[in-house]
């Protein structure tokens, strides 16, 4: 009988752990987040960085520009987080 309680406890703990690893968007908007993930994954397979990219900042800007031009998603290079809003 103790084993059933242990299994339920493990399942509950696992569920909480998985949820705690999710972003606020994944928790609040799971379907939209999954759609965005799928779209960006497909776009990343097609993206070829510009030859002018010399460092990580160039790559980030080039990728953001590519995603903005090839999707309807709002792309921010340095988005403000809820934590940023609370401390500002």
Protein backbone atom coordinates (compact mmCIF):
# COMPACT_ATOMS: atom_id res chain seq x y z
CA UNK A 1 0.00 0.00 0.00
CA UNK A 2 2.86 2.36 0.68
CA UNK A 3 4.08 1.83 -2.87
CA UNK A 4 0.91 3.40 -4.30
CA UNK A 5 1.43 6.50 -2.21
CA UNK A 6 5.06 6.66 -3.28
CA UNK A 7 4.10 6.35 -6.96
CA UNK A 8 1.46 9.09 -6.61
CA UNK A 9 3.98 11.30 -4.84
CA UNK A 10 6.55 10.78 -7.60
CA UNK A 11 3.96 11.51 -10.28
CA UNK A 12 2.82 14.68 -8.50
CA UNK A 13 6.42 15.81 -7.95
CA UNK A 14 7.26 15.13 -11.59
CA UNK A 15 4.24 17.14 -12.72
CA UNK A 16 5.24 20.12 -10.58
CA UNK A 17 8.84 19.90 -11.79
CA UNK A 18 7.79 19.90 -15.47
CA UNK A 19 5.49 22.86 -14.90
CA UNK A 20 8.18 24.84 -13.09
CA UNK A 21 10.47 24.49 -16.11
CA UNK A 22 7.91 26.08 -18.43
CA UNK A 23 7.92 29.75 -19.31
CA UNK A 24 4.99 31.99 -18.41
CA UNK A 25 3.92 31.92 -22.09
CA UNK A 26 3.97 28.10 -22.17
CA UNK A 27 1.76 27.99 -19.07
CA UNK A 28 -0.65 30.76 -20.11
CA UNK A 29 -0.80 30.09 -23.87
CA UNK A 30 0.23 26.48 -24.54
CA UNK A 31 -1.30 26.20 -28.03
CA UNK A 32 0.12 29.50 -29.30
CA UNK A 33 3.53 28.67 -27.83
CA UNK A 34 3.57 25.29 -29.56
CA UNK A 35 2.60 26.92 -32.88
CA UNK A 36 5.39 29.51 -32.53
CA UNK A 37 7.89 26.78 -31.64
CA UNK A 38 6.93 24.79 -34.73
CA UNK A 39 7.11 27.83 -37.01
CA UNK A 40 10.49 28.99 -35.70
CA UNK A 41 11.90 25.46 -35.91
CA UNK A 42 10.95 25.28 -39.59
CA UNK A 43 12.37 28.74 -40.29
CA UNK A 44 15.64 27.89 -38.54
CA UNK A 45 16.12 24.97 -40.91
CA UNK A 46 15.95 27.39 -43.84
CA UNK A 47 17.93 30.32 -42.39
CA UNK A 48 21.39 30.99 -43.78
CA UNK A 49 23.32 33.65 -41.83
CA UNK A 50 24.56 36.62 -43.80
CA UNK A 51 28.21 36.43 -44.79
CA UNK A 52 28.81 39.75 -43.01
CA UNK A 53 28.11 38.20 -39.59
CA UNK A 54 31.31 38.38 -37.57
CA UNK A 55 30.20 37.79 -33.98
CA UNK A 56 27.25 36.54 -31.95
CA UNK A 57 25.57 39.97 -31.97
CA UNK A 58 25.62 40.04 -35.76
CA UNK A 59 24.10 36.55 -35.88
CA UNK A 60 21.38 37.48 -33.39
CA UNK A 61 20.43 40.60 -35.36
CA UNK A 62 20.51 38.72 -38.65
CA UNK A 63 18.30 35.94 -37.26
CA UNK A 64 15.84 38.43 -35.73
CA UNK A 65 15.61 40.28 -39.06
CA UNK A 66 15.06 36.96 -40.87
CA UNK A 67 12.33 35.85 -38.46
CA UNK A 68 10.59 39.24 -38.65
CA UNK A 69 10.58 39.07 -42.43
CA UNK A 70 9.39 35.48 -42.69
CA UNK A 71 6.78 35.15 -39.94
CA UNK A 72 4.00 37.07 -38.27
CA UNK A 73 5.61 36.61 -34.85
CA UNK A 74 6.69 39.56 -32.72
CA UNK A 75 10.45 39.17 -32.47
CA UNK A 76 12.40 41.03 -29.81
CA UNK A 77 16.16 40.75 -29.48
CA UNK A 78 16.19 41.73 -25.80
CA UNK A 79 12.63 41.44 -24.51
CA UNK A 80 11.68 42.89 -21.17
CA UNK A 81 10.68 40.21 -18.74
CA UNK A 82 8.18 40.39 -15.93
CA UNK A 83 11.12 40.44 -13.52
CA UNK A 84 12.59 43.46 -15.37
CA UNK A 85 9.26 45.24 -15.02
CA UNK A 86 9.12 44.55 -11.29
CA UNK A 87 12.63 45.90 -10.62
CA UNK A 88 12.42 48.97 -12.87
